[in-house]
């Protein structure tokens, strides 16, 4: 019996392995981009909420600072985890579940230097 030494067909097996590896890397990259994009959107929503609360705390608008911050956050699809007002400076923490992971960000806003 003669040993099998023919390499015919090994290129297609290698090509399939390379394509599978590239597809896995693309899926991982898409997941990473989605998570980073969601985090940036969450940060923007938290900053907008803090600014809305700071406007109320500074007296530019009527109402309660944390209520205004919560309304803006809800309008952006974000839930406030915490809101604190001290000396017209509003600090908020917002969170959202992104790809099964609870992501929390913080933002502060208040009057500028006089």
C-alpha atoms as a PDB file:
ATOM      1  CA  UNK A   1       0.000   0.000   0.000  1.00  0.00           C
ATOM      2  CA  UNK A   2       1.323   3.389  -1.005  1.00  0.00           C
ATOM      3  CA  UNK A   3       1.387   6.264   1.604  1.00  0.00           C
ATOM      4  CA  UNK A   4      -0.904   9.239   0.906  1.00  0.00           C
ATOM      5  CA  UNK A   5       1.297  12.202  -0.109  1.00  0.00           C
ATOM      6  CA  UNK A   6      -1.001  14.251  -2.277  1.00  0.00           C
ATOM      7  CA  UNK A   7      -1.626  17.825  -1.052  1.00  0.00           C
ATOM      8  CA  UNK A   8      -4.589  18.351  -3.345  1.00  0.00           C
ATOM      9  CA  UNK A   9      -7.418  20.092  -1.506  1.00  0.00           C
ATOM     10  CA  UNK A  10      -5.374  21.375   1.427  1.00  0.00           C
ATOM     11  CA  UNK A  11      -5.589  24.941   0.090  1.00  0.00           C
ATOM     12  CA  UNK A  12      -9.373  24.979   0.356  1.00  0.00           C
ATOM     13  CA  UNK A  13      -9.204  23.765   3.969  1.00  0.00           C
ATOM     14  CA  UNK A  14      -6.726  26.544   4.750  1.00  0.00           C
ATOM     15  CA  UNK A  15      -8.940  29.104   3.005  1.00  0.00           C
ATOM     16  CA  UNK A  16     -11.956  28.005   5.045  1.00  0.00           C
ATOM     17  CA  UNK A  17      -9.944  28.317   8.271  1.00  0.00           C
ATOM     18  CA  UNK A  18      -8.718  31.812   7.338  1.00  0.00           C
ATOM     19  CA  UNK A  19     -12.229  32.959   6.395  1.00  0.00           C
ATOM     20  CA  UNK A  20     -13.636  31.588   9.669  1.00  0.00           C
ATOM     21  CA  UNK A  21     -10.942  33.426  11.648  1.00  0.00           C
ATOM     22  CA  UNK A  22     -11.668  36.670   9.784  1.00  0.00           C
ATOM     23  CA  UNK A  23     -15.399  36.321  10.439  1.00  0.00           C
ATOM     24  CA  UNK A  24     -14.782  35.790  14.160  1.00  0.00           C
ATOM     25  CA  UNK A  25     -12.522  38.848  14.293  1.00  0.00           C
ATOM     26  CA  UNK A  26     -15.152  40.917  12.456  1.00  0.00           C
ATOM     27  CA  UNK A  27     -17.851  39.810  14.908  1.00  0.00           C
ATOM     28  CA  UNK A  28     -15.630  40.719  17.855  1.00  0.00           C
ATOM     29  CA  UNK A  29     -14.841  44.104  16.333  1.00  0.00           C
ATOM     30  CA  UNK A  30     -18.530  44.832  15.707  1.00  0.00           C
ATOM     31  CA  UNK A  31     -19.336  43.978  19.328  1.00  0.00           C
ATOM     32  CA  UNK A  32     -16.578  46.279  20.568  1.00  0.00           C
ATOM     33  CA  UNK A  33     -17.707  49.146  18.329  1.00  0.00           C
ATOM     34  CA  UNK A  34     -21.308  48.697  19.483  1.00  0.00           C
ATOM     35  CA  UNK A  35     -20.276  48.790  23.142  1.00  0.00           C
ATOM     36  CA  UNK A  36     -18.086  51.884  22.706  1.00  0.00           C
ATOM     37  CA  UNK A  37     -20.778  53.685  20.736  1.00  0.00           C
ATOM     38  CA  UNK A  38     -23.384  52.924  23.393  1.00  0.00           C
ATOM     39  CA  UNK A  39     -21.047  54.157  26.124  1.00  0.00           C
ATOM     40  CA  UNK A  40     -20.471  57.441  24.295  1.00  0.00           C
ATOM     41  CA  UNK A  41     -24.219  57.902  23.830  1.00  0.00           C
ATOM     42  CA  UNK A  42     -24.732  57.159  27.521  1.00  0.00           C
ATOM     43  CA  UNK A  43     -22.071  59.714  28.476  1.00  0.00           C
ATOM     44  CA  UNK A  44     -23.713  62.353  26.282  1.00  0.00           C
ATOM     45  CA  UNK A  45     -27.105  61.673  27.845  1.00  0.00           C
ATOM     46  CA  UNK A  46     -25.628  61.934  31.354  1.00  0.00           C
ATOM     47  CA  UNK A  47     -23.953  65.240  30.499  1.00  0.00           C
ATOM     48  CA  UNK A  48     -27.197  66.618  29.053  1.00  0.00           C
ATOM     49  CA  UNK A  49     -29.043  65.555  32.206  1.00  0.00           C
ATOM     50  CA  UNK A  50     -26.442  67.220  34.431  1.00  0.00           C
ATOM     51  CA  UNK A  51     -26.665  70.425  32.389  1.00  0.00           C
ATOM     52  CA  UNK A  52     -30.463  70.462  32.661  1.00  0.00           C
ATOM     53  CA  UNK A  53     -30.225  69.994  36.411  1.00  0.00           C
ATOM     54  CA  UNK A  54     -27.594  72.737  36.664  1.00  0.00           C
ATOM     55  CA  UNK A  55     -29.843  75.170  34.775  1.00  0.00           C
ATOM     56  CA  UNK A  56     -32.575  74.589  37.354  1.00  0.00           C
ATOM     57  CA  UNK A  57     -30.129  74.746  40.286  1.00  0.00           C
ATOM     58  CA  UNK A  58     -28.751  78.065  39.018  1.00  0.00           C
ATOM     59  CA  UNK A  59     -32.263  79.512  38.771  1.00  0.00           C
ATOM     60  CA  UNK A  60     -32.441  79.780  34.979  1.00  0.00           C
ATOM     61  CA  UNK A  61     -35.451  77.446  34.981  1.00  0.00           C
ATOM     62  CA  UNK A  62     -38.032  76.621  37.618  1.00  0.00           C
ATOM     63  CA  UNK A  63     -38.413  73.252  39.260  1.00  0.00           C
ATOM     64  CA  UNK A  64     -36.238  70.693  40.976  1.00  0.00           C
ATOM     65  CA  UNK A  65     -32.743  70.015  39.594  1.00  0.00           C
ATOM     66  CA  UNK A  66     -32.824  66.225  39.930  1.00  0.00           C
ATOM     67  CA  UNK A  67     -36.313  66.014  38.449  1.00  0.00           C
ATOM     68  CA  UNK A  68     -35.171  68.037  35.428  1.00  0.00           C
ATOM     69  CA  UNK A  69     -32.103  65.822  35.092  1.00  0.00           C
ATOM     70  CA  UNK A  70     -34.239  62.678  35.293  1.00  0.00           C
ATOM     71  CA  UNK A  71     -36.606  63.971  32.598  1.00  0.00           C
ATOM     72  CA  UNK A  72     -33.762  64.725  30.205  1.00  0.00           C
ATOM     73  CA  UNK A  73     -32.152  61.370  30.940  1.00  0.00           C
ATOM     74  CA  UNK A  74     -35.432  59.537  30.327  1.00  0.00           C
ATOM     75  CA  UNK A  75     -35.859  61.442  27.071  1.00  0.00           C
ATOM     76  CA  UNK A  76     -32.507  60.022  25.995  1.00  0.00           C
ATOM     77  CA  UNK A  77     -33.427  56.476  27.026  1.00  0.00           C
ATOM     78  CA  UNK A  78     -31.208  56.471  30.113  1.00  0.00           C
ATOM     79  CA  UNK A  79     -32.037  55.852  33.758  1.00  0.00           C
ATOM     80  CA  UNK A  80     -30.442  58.004  36.461  1.00  0.00           C
ATOM     81  CA  UNK A  81     -28.810  55.948  39.189  1.00  0.00           C
ATOM     82  CA  UNK A  82     -27.960  58.942  41.382  1.00  0.00           C
ATOM     83  CA  UNK A  83     -28.385  62.709  41.453  1.00  0.00           C
ATOM     84  CA  UNK A  84     -26.750  65.096  43.908  1.00  0.00           C
ATOM     85  CA  UNK A  85     -26.956  68.894  44.129  1.00  0.00           C
ATOM     86  CA  UNK A  86     -24.370  70.875  46.095  1.00  0.00           C
ATOM     87  CA  UNK A  87     -23.775  74.620  45.679  1.00  0.00           C
ATOM     88  CA  UNK A  88     -25.583  74.701  42.296  1.00  0.00           C
ATOM     89  CA  UNK A  89     -23.346  71.886  41.012  1.00  0.00           C
ATOM     90  CA  UNK A  90     -25.322  68.879  39.846  1.00  0.00           C
ATOM     91  CA  UNK A  91     -23.662  65.465  39.782  1.00  0.00           C
ATOM     92  CA  UNK A  92     -25.468  62.569  38.132  1.00  0.00           C
ATOM     93  CA  UNK A  93     -24.784  58.918  37.496  1.00  0.00           C
ATOM     94  CA  UNK A  94     -26.621  57.236  34.655  1.00  0.00           C
ATOM     95  CA  UNK A  95     -26.738  53.604  33.659  1.00  0.00           C
ATOM     96  CA  UNK A  96     -27.943  51.406  30.841  1.00  0.00           C
ATOM     97  CA  UNK A  97     -27.554  47.726  30.033  1.00  0.00           C
ATOM     98  CA  UNK A  98     -25.362  47.311  26.941  1.00  0.00           C
ATOM     99  CA  UNK A  99     -24.931  43.813  25.500  1.00  0.00           C
ATOM    100  CA  UNK A 100     -25.906  42.306  28.841  1.00  0.00           C
ATOM    101  CA  UNK A 101     -23.487  44.459  30.853  1.00  0.00           C
ATOM    102  CA  UNK A 102     -24.641  47.277  33.151  1.00  0.00           C
ATOM    103  CA  UNK A 103     -22.651  50.376  32.137  1.00  0.00           C
ATOM    104  CA  UNK A 104     -22.588  53.371  34.508  1.00  0.00           C
ATOM    105  CA  UNK A 105     -21.190  56.823  33.734  1.00  0.00           C
ATOM    106  CA  UNK A 106     -20.980  60.041  35.739  1.00  0.00           C
ATOM    107  CA  UNK A 107     -21.296  63.708  34.801  1.00  0.00           C
ATOM    108  CA  UNK A 108     -21.139  67.050  36.624  1.00  0.00           C
ATOM    109  CA  UNK A 109     -22.363  70.478  35.642  1.00  0.00           C
ATOM    110  CA  UNK A 110     -22.600  73.824  37.358  1.00  0.00           C
ATOM    111  CA  UNK A 111     -22.017  77.521  36.914  1.00  0.00           C
ATOM    112  CA  UNK A 112     -18.830  78.570  35.208  1.00  0.00           C
ATOM    113  CA  UNK A 113     -16.094  80.670  36.796  1.00  0.00           C
ATOM    114  CA  UNK A 114     -17.173  84.200  37.617  1.00  0.00           C
END
